[in-house]
Amino acid sequence: MKLLHSLAAVILLAGVASAATTDNPTTEKPSTEKPSTQKYTLAYKFEPGDTLRYSIDHRASVRSTIEGTTQKAITRSESVKVWKVMDVMPDGEIEFMHMVDSVRMTNQLPERAEMIFDSEKDKDPPAGFEDAAAAVGVPLSIIRMSPRGEVIDRDVKHQQPAADTEAPVTLLLPEGPVAIGDSWNEPRTVPVQTADGAKRDIQTRRHYELTKVAEGVASIQVSYQVLSPIDPAIEAQLVQRLMKGVVKFDIARGRVLSQNMEVDQRVLGFAGPTSSMHYVMKMDEELLDGPKQKVASQAKAPAK
């Protein structure tokens, strides 16, 4: 099954203050005070020579039943992602090198013994992990992005057969200042294959909402939404993308502090009327550099 094999090959390269309201104790009338309209500017703020290292723990399992036969695959990837900032242009555009410093992968595939690859211990990778081993410690791509995370140019230096080179590397931030409750979208077109083998483009988007700001850290709720009508066969191809979770962003320092994403999706009838799939994924990413508690206190931008 293509989905099971793709799971085994996966390499992990990869705002918002709740405004306080106060009741007036001297009156029995309902409060008419409006929520705060304080706005925050979210933007990446790097300097040439900056190096950001993120630990990523990605766990996934897929249980599928086709024609009465049930199989289950479990994968886990623990890796360290590195961004090396090469240049920052006068207009704010940022150029950085994307790498994977280390990876430890565990695959438990149907009717096979558990397989483990640790790039820090294994000089010669086990069969099936050659691509993962070749991608460690080398430049994967040179990316130029805007201060809000729009990828302007992406020069792939190391092609990875199992990786989606069109997958977003950055978190897209809003175009202008936002208040708590504001949202923005990142449209994406995803190519899929229909049951009869034809190619089809599916319209999707990542939806973001600023839900909280506390001590200079913005909490951004993220969900992946499919906009085109789809059938179960196509849904099975998209299931790994259907993530939702929360991103923590340091407003003053201009960088992601952490991401916590998950998927728990069942698909019925993707390969025949009695077929089923249950995909469960959890991904935790955390900035390794600098103390967690050290976030800038002066994070608020002037309201506009």
Protein backbone atom coordinates (compact mmCIF):
# COMPACT_ATOMS: atom_id res chain seq x y z
CA MET A 1 0.00 0.00 0.00
CA LYS A 2 1.35 3.39 -1.06
CA LEU A 3 0.29 5.14 2.14
CA LEU A 4 2.06 2.62 4.37
CA HIS A 5 5.25 2.84 2.34
CA SER A 6 5.14 6.64 2.32
CA LEU A 7 4.84 6.67 6.10
CA ALA A 8 7.91 4.47 6.40
CA ALA A 9 9.90 6.83 4.17
CA VAL A 10 8.87 10.13 5.76
CA ILE A 11 11.75 12.40 6.85
CA LEU A 12 10.92 15.26 9.11
CA LEU A 13 12.66 18.21 7.63
CA ALA A 14 10.91 19.12 8.29
CA GLY A 15 -0.16 35.47 18.69
CA VAL A 16 -2.49 36.44 21.28
CA ALA A 17 -3.34 38.38 24.50
CA SER A 18 -6.64 37.79 25.96
CA ALA A 19 -7.95 41.23 26.69
CA ALA A 20 -9.12 41.70 30.25
CA THR A 21 -12.59 43.10 30.82
CA THR A 22 -13.78 44.51 34.12
CA ASP A 23 -17.29 44.64 35.51
CA ASN A 24 -18.48 47.80 37.21
CA PRO A 25 -19.43 46.80 40.77
CA THR A 26 -21.37 50.04 41.33
CA THR A 27 -24.07 49.29 38.78
CA GLU A 28 -26.42 46.44 38.05
CA LYS A 29 -26.57 47.26 34.35
CA PRO A 30 -24.85 44.85 31.98
CA SER A 31 -21.37 45.97 31.01
CA THR A 32 -21.19 47.64 27.62
CA GLU A 33 -17.40 47.73 27.58
CA LYS A 34 -16.06 46.42 24.28
CA PRO A 35 -13.24 43.89 24.11
CA SER A 36 -9.79 45.38 23.61
CA THR A 37 -8.93 46.24 20.01
CA GLN A 38 -5.19 46.12 20.73
CA LYS A 39 -3.42 44.93 17.60
CA TYR A 40 -0.17 43.02 17.26
CA THR A 41 2.30 42.95 14.40
CA LEU A 42 3.57 39.42 13.77
CA ALA A 43 6.71 39.21 11.64
CA TYR A 44 9.91 37.18 11.41
CA LYS A 45 12.91 39.10 12.74
CA PHE A 46 16.24 37.49 11.97
CA GLU A 47 19.81 38.72 11.60
CA PRO A 48 22.49 37.34 9.28
CA GLY A 49 24.33 34.58 11.11
CA ASP A 50 21.35 33.57 13.27
CA THR A 51 20.95 29.81 13.68
CA LEU A 52 17.63 28.39 14.86
CA ARG A 53 17.45 24.75 15.92
CA TYR A 54 14.16 22.96 16.52
CA SER A 55 13.55 19.53 18.00
CA ILE A 56 10.73 17.69 16.22
CA ASP A 57 8.95 14.60 17.50
CA HIS A 58 6.60 13.13 14.88
CA ARG A 59 4.54 10.02 15.66
CA ALA A 60 2.04 8.42 13.32
CA SER A 61 0.02 5.25 13.01
CA VAL A 62 -2.26 4.08 10.22
CA ARG A 63 -4.62 1.14 10.52
CA SER A 64 -6.25 0.08 7.26
CA THR A 65 -8.65 -2.65 6.26
CA ILE A 66 -9.04 -3.71 2.62
CA GLU A 67 -11.03 -6.77 1.50
CA GLY A 68 -11.12 -8.12 5.04
CA THR A 69 -7.37 -7.80 5.66
CA THR A 70 -6.25 -5.37 8.35
CA GLN A 71 -2.75 -3.92 8.58
CA LYS A 72 -1.20 -1.40 10.93
CA ALA A 73 1.96 0.65 10.51
CA ILE A 74 3.59 2.78 13.19
CA THR A 75 6.34 5.33 12.58
CA ARG A 76 8.22 7.76 14.77
CA SER A 77 10.78 10.35 13.76
CA GLU A 78 12.80 12.44 16.22
CA SER A 79 14.86 15.04 14.43
CA VAL A 80 16.59 18.39 14.79
CA LYS A 81 15.72 20.97 12.14
CA VAL A 82 18.12 23.84 11.51
CA TRP A 83 17.63 27.23 9.90
CA LYS A 84 20.86 29.09 9.16
CA VAL A 85 20.14 32.72 8.27
CA MET A 86 22.39 33.73 5.39
CA ASP A 87 21.18 37.25 4.63
CA VAL A 88 18.50 39.80 5.44
CA MET A 89 17.67 42.22 2.62
CA PRO A 90 16.94 45.95 3.06
CA ASP A 91 13.26 45.27 2.30
CA GLY A 92 13.14 42.68 5.10
CA GLU A 93 13.31 39.55 2.96
CA ILE A 94 15.17 36.72 4.70
CA GLU A 95 17.36 34.09 3.06
CA PHE A 96 18.15 30.97 5.05
CA MET A 97 19.47 27.45 4.62
CA HIS A 98 17.23 24.60 5.72
CA MET A 99 18.94 21.47 7.08
CA VAL A 100 18.34 18.44 9.27
CA ASP A 101 21.07 18.05 11.88
CA SER A 102 20.09 14.61 13.14
CA VAL A 103 17.28 12.08 12.92
CA ARG A 104 16.21 8.94 14.72
CA MET A 105 13.53 6.96 12.91
CA THR A 106 11.55 3.93 14.02
CA ASN A 107 9.32 2.00 11.63
CA GLN A 108 6.98 -0.85 12.57
CA LEU A 109 5.50 -2.13 9.31
CA PRO A 110 3.08 -5.03 8.83
CA GLU A 111 4.71 -8.46 9.02
CA ARG A 112 8.17 -6.96 9.55
CA ALA A 113 10.43 -6.57 12.55
CA GLU A 114 10.79 -3.08 13.97
CA MET A 115 13.48 -1.11 12.17
CA ILE A 116 15.49 1.75 13.70
CA PHE A 117 17.88 4.26 12.21
CA ASP A 118 19.84 6.73 14.33
CA SER A 119 21.99 9.14 12.32
CA GLU A 120 24.20 9.82 15.34
CA LYS A 121 25.00 6.14 15.90
CA ASP A 122 24.56 4.26 12.63
CA LYS A 123 27.42 4.70 10.19
CA ASP A 124 25.70 2.50 7.63
CA PRO A 125 21.89 2.94 7.51
CA PRO A 126 19.68 -0.16 7.42
CA ALA A 127 17.96 -0.98 4.13
CA GLY A 128 15.15 1.47 3.46
CA PHE A 129 16.75 4.35 5.37
CA GLU A 130 19.31 5.34 2.74
CA ASP A 131 17.39 8.47 1.69
CA ALA A 132 16.99 9.56 5.31
CA ALA A 133 20.70 9.13 5.99
CA ALA A 134 21.69 11.04 2.85
CA ALA A 135 19.55 14.03 3.89
CA VAL A 136 21.21 14.55 7.28
CA GLY A 137 23.81 17.28 7.70
CA VAL A 138 23.57 18.63 4.15
CA PRO A 139 21.78 21.71 2.80
CA LEU A 140 18.26 20.64 1.81
CA SER A 141 17.15 23.96 0.37
CA ILE A 142 17.91 27.67 0.27
CA ILE A 143 14.75 29.63 0.98
CA ARG A 144 13.99 33.31 0.59
CA MET A 145 10.90 34.49 2.42
CA SER A 146 9.17 37.74 3.26
CA PRO A 147 8.93 38.93 6.89
CA ARG A 148 5.46 37.30 7.07
CA GLY A 149 6.78 33.93 5.89
CA GLU A 150 5.74 33.99 2.22
CA VAL A 151 8.21 31.82 0.30
CA ILE A 152 9.52 33.95 -2.55
CA ASP A 153 12.12 31.48 -3.81
CA ARG A 154 13.01 27.90 -2.90
CA ASP A 155 16.17 26.36 -4.32
CA VAL A 156 16.13 22.63 -3.57
CA LYS A 157 19.68 21.45 -2.99
CA HIS A 158 18.96 17.86 -2.02
CA GLN A 159 16.04 16.13 -3.68
CA GLN A 160 14.12 13.74 -1.46
CA PRO A 161 11.86 11.21 -3.17
CA ALA A 162 9.73 10.70 -0.07
CA ALA A 163 9.32 14.35 0.87
CA ASP A 164 6.77 16.82 -0.43
CA THR A 165 8.99 19.61 -1.72
CA GLU A 166 5.91 21.82 -2.02
CA ALA A 167 5.06 21.43 1.66
CA PRO A 168 5.24 24.73 3.55
CA VAL A 169 8.45 25.21 5.51
CA THR A 170 7.34 28.42 7.18
CA LEU A 171 4.37 29.57 9.22
CA LEU A 172 2.44 32.20 7.27
CA LEU A 173 1.81 35.32 9.34
CA PRO A 174 -0.90 37.96 8.71
CA GLU A 175 -0.35 40.80 6.25
CA GLY A 176 -0.94 43.52 8.84
CA PRO A 177 -1.52 44.02 12.58
CA VAL A 178 -4.16 41.70 14.06
CA ALA A 179 -6.28 41.64 17.20
CA ILE A 180 -7.36 38.65 19.20
CA GLY A 181 -10.00 36.80 17.22
CA ASP A 182 -8.69 37.91 13.82
CA SER A 183 -7.94 35.21 11.25
CA TRP A 184 -6.16 34.78 7.92
CA ASN A 185 -5.80 32.03 5.32
CA GLU A 186 -3.09 30.37 3.26
CA PRO A 187 -4.61 28.89 0.07
CA ARG A 188 -2.95 25.79 -1.37
CA THR A 189 -3.61 23.68 -4.46
CA VAL A 190 -2.86 19.99 -3.93
CA PRO A 191 -2.54 17.54 -6.86
CA VAL A 192 -4.18 14.14 -6.30
CA GLN A 193 -5.00 11.05 -8.33
CA THR A 194 -8.58 9.93 -8.82
CA ALA A 195 -9.71 6.30 -8.66
CA ASP A 196 -9.53 6.03 -12.46
CA GLY A 197 -5.93 7.32 -12.52
CA ALA A 198 -6.67 10.86 -13.65
CA LYS A 199 -4.94 13.89 -12.13
CA ARG A 200 -6.97 16.45 -10.21
CA ASP A 201 -6.19 19.63 -8.30
CA ILE A 202 -7.84 20.04 -4.91
CA GLN A 203 -8.30 23.48 -3.36
CA THR A 204 -7.33 23.60 0.31
CA ARG A 205 -6.14 26.17 2.81
CA ARG A 206 -4.49 26.55 6.15
CA HIS A 207 -6.66 28.66 8.43
CA TYR A 208 -5.03 30.70 11.20
CA GLU A 209 -6.59 32.54 14.12
CA LEU A 210 -4.92 34.66 16.79
CA THR A 211 -6.45 33.37 20.01
CA LYS A 212 -4.28 34.70 22.83
CA VAL A 213 -1.27 36.87 23.72
CA ALA A 214 0.45 36.38 27.06
CA GLU A 215 3.86 37.72 28.15
CA GLY A 216 4.79 38.58 24.59
CA VAL A 217 3.91 35.18 23.14
CA ALA A 218 1.14 34.86 20.57
CA SER A 219 -0.95 31.69 20.39
CA ILE A 220 -2.13 30.93 16.86
CA GLN A 221 -4.77 28.26 16.24
CA VAL A 222 -4.10 26.39 12.98
CA SER A 223 -6.38 24.07 11.01
CA TYR A 224 -6.20 22.54 7.55
CA GLN A 225 -9.38 22.82 5.50
CA VAL A 226 -10.37 21.10 2.25
CA LEU A 227 -12.51 23.37 0.07
CA SER A 228 -13.13 21.16 -2.98
CA PRO A 229 -15.64 18.30 -2.89
CA ILE A 230 -13.75 15.02 -2.47
CA ASP A 231 -14.47 11.31 -2.29
CA PRO A 232 -12.93 8.81 0.19
CA ALA A 233 -10.15 7.81 -2.25
CA ILE A 234 -8.96 11.42 -2.40
CA GLU A 235 -9.47 12.00 1.31
CA ALA A 236 -7.09 9.10 1.99
CA GLN A 237 -4.40 10.93 0.00
CA LEU A 238 -4.95 14.13 1.99
CA VAL A 239 -5.31 12.62 5.45
CA GLN A 240 -1.71 13.32 6.51
CA ARG A 241 -2.25 17.04 5.81
CA LEU A 242 -5.38 17.45 7.93
CA MET A 243 -3.51 18.81 10.92
CA LYS A 244 -4.82 21.11 13.59
CA GLY A 245 -3.12 22.59 16.61
CA VAL A 246 -1.45 25.61 18.18
CA VAL A 247 1.67 27.59 17.30
CA LYS A 248 3.44 29.78 19.85
CA PHE A 249 5.17 32.83 18.34
CA ASP A 250 7.54 35.21 20.15
CA ILE A 251 6.33 38.60 18.93
CA ALA A 252 9.35 40.76 19.82
CA ARG A 253 12.03 38.25 18.76
CA GLY A 254 10.07 37.32 15.66
CA ARG A 255 10.27 33.53 15.66
CA VAL A 256 8.23 30.41 16.28
CA LEU A 257 8.76 28.99 19.76
CA SER A 258 6.76 25.79 19.37
CA GLN A 259 4.17 23.94 17.32
CA ASN A 260 1.84 21.20 18.52
CA MET A 261 -0.17 19.53 15.77
CA GLU A 262 -2.33 16.43 15.55
CA VAL A 263 -4.56 14.40 13.23
CA ASP A 264 -7.16 11.78 14.20
CA GLN A 265 -9.08 10.93 11.06
CA ARG A 266 -11.13 7.95 9.88
CA VAL A 267 -11.80 7.36 6.18
CA LEU A 268 -14.41 4.82 5.08
CA GLY A 269 -14.67 3.34 1.59
CA PHE A 270 -11.37 4.67 0.27
CA ALA A 271 -10.52 1.39 -1.53
CA GLY A 272 -13.86 -0.38 -1.89
CA PRO A 273 -17.13 -0.28 0.04
CA THR A 274 -15.85 -2.27 3.03
CA SER A 275 -12.45 -0.59 3.32
CA SER A 276 -11.50 1.71 6.17
CA MET A 277 -8.54 3.68 7.43
CA HIS A 278 -7.74 5.29 10.76
CA TYR A 279 -4.83 7.74 10.73
CA VAL A 280 -3.48 9.20 13.97
CA MET A 281 -0.58 11.65 14.08
CA LYS A 282 1.02 13.91 16.68
CA MET A 283 3.83 16.36 16.01
CA ASP A 284 5.61 18.48 18.61
CA GLU A 285 8.22 21.04 17.60
CA GLU A 286 10.18 23.23 20.01
CA LEU A 287 12.88 25.88 19.64
CA LEU A 288 16.06 24.63 21.29
CA ASP A 289 18.07 27.87 21.41
CA GLY A 290 17.67 30.15 24.38
CA PRO A 291 15.67 29.77 27.61
CA LYS A 292 11.97 29.16 27.07
CA GLN A 293 10.92 31.76 29.58
CA LYS A 294 13.02 34.51 28.02
CA VAL A 295 10.56 36.28 25.75
CA ALA A 296 10.47 39.99 25.18
CA SER A 297 8.08 41.96 27.32
CA GLN A 298 7.65 44.83 24.85
CA ALA A 299 5.62 42.92 22.30
CA LYS A 300 2.65 45.13 21.62
CA ALA A 301 2.45 47.18 18.45
CA PRO A 302 0.51 50.44 18.33
CA ALA A 303 -3.13 49.94 17.51
CA LYS A 304 -4.09 50.95 14.01
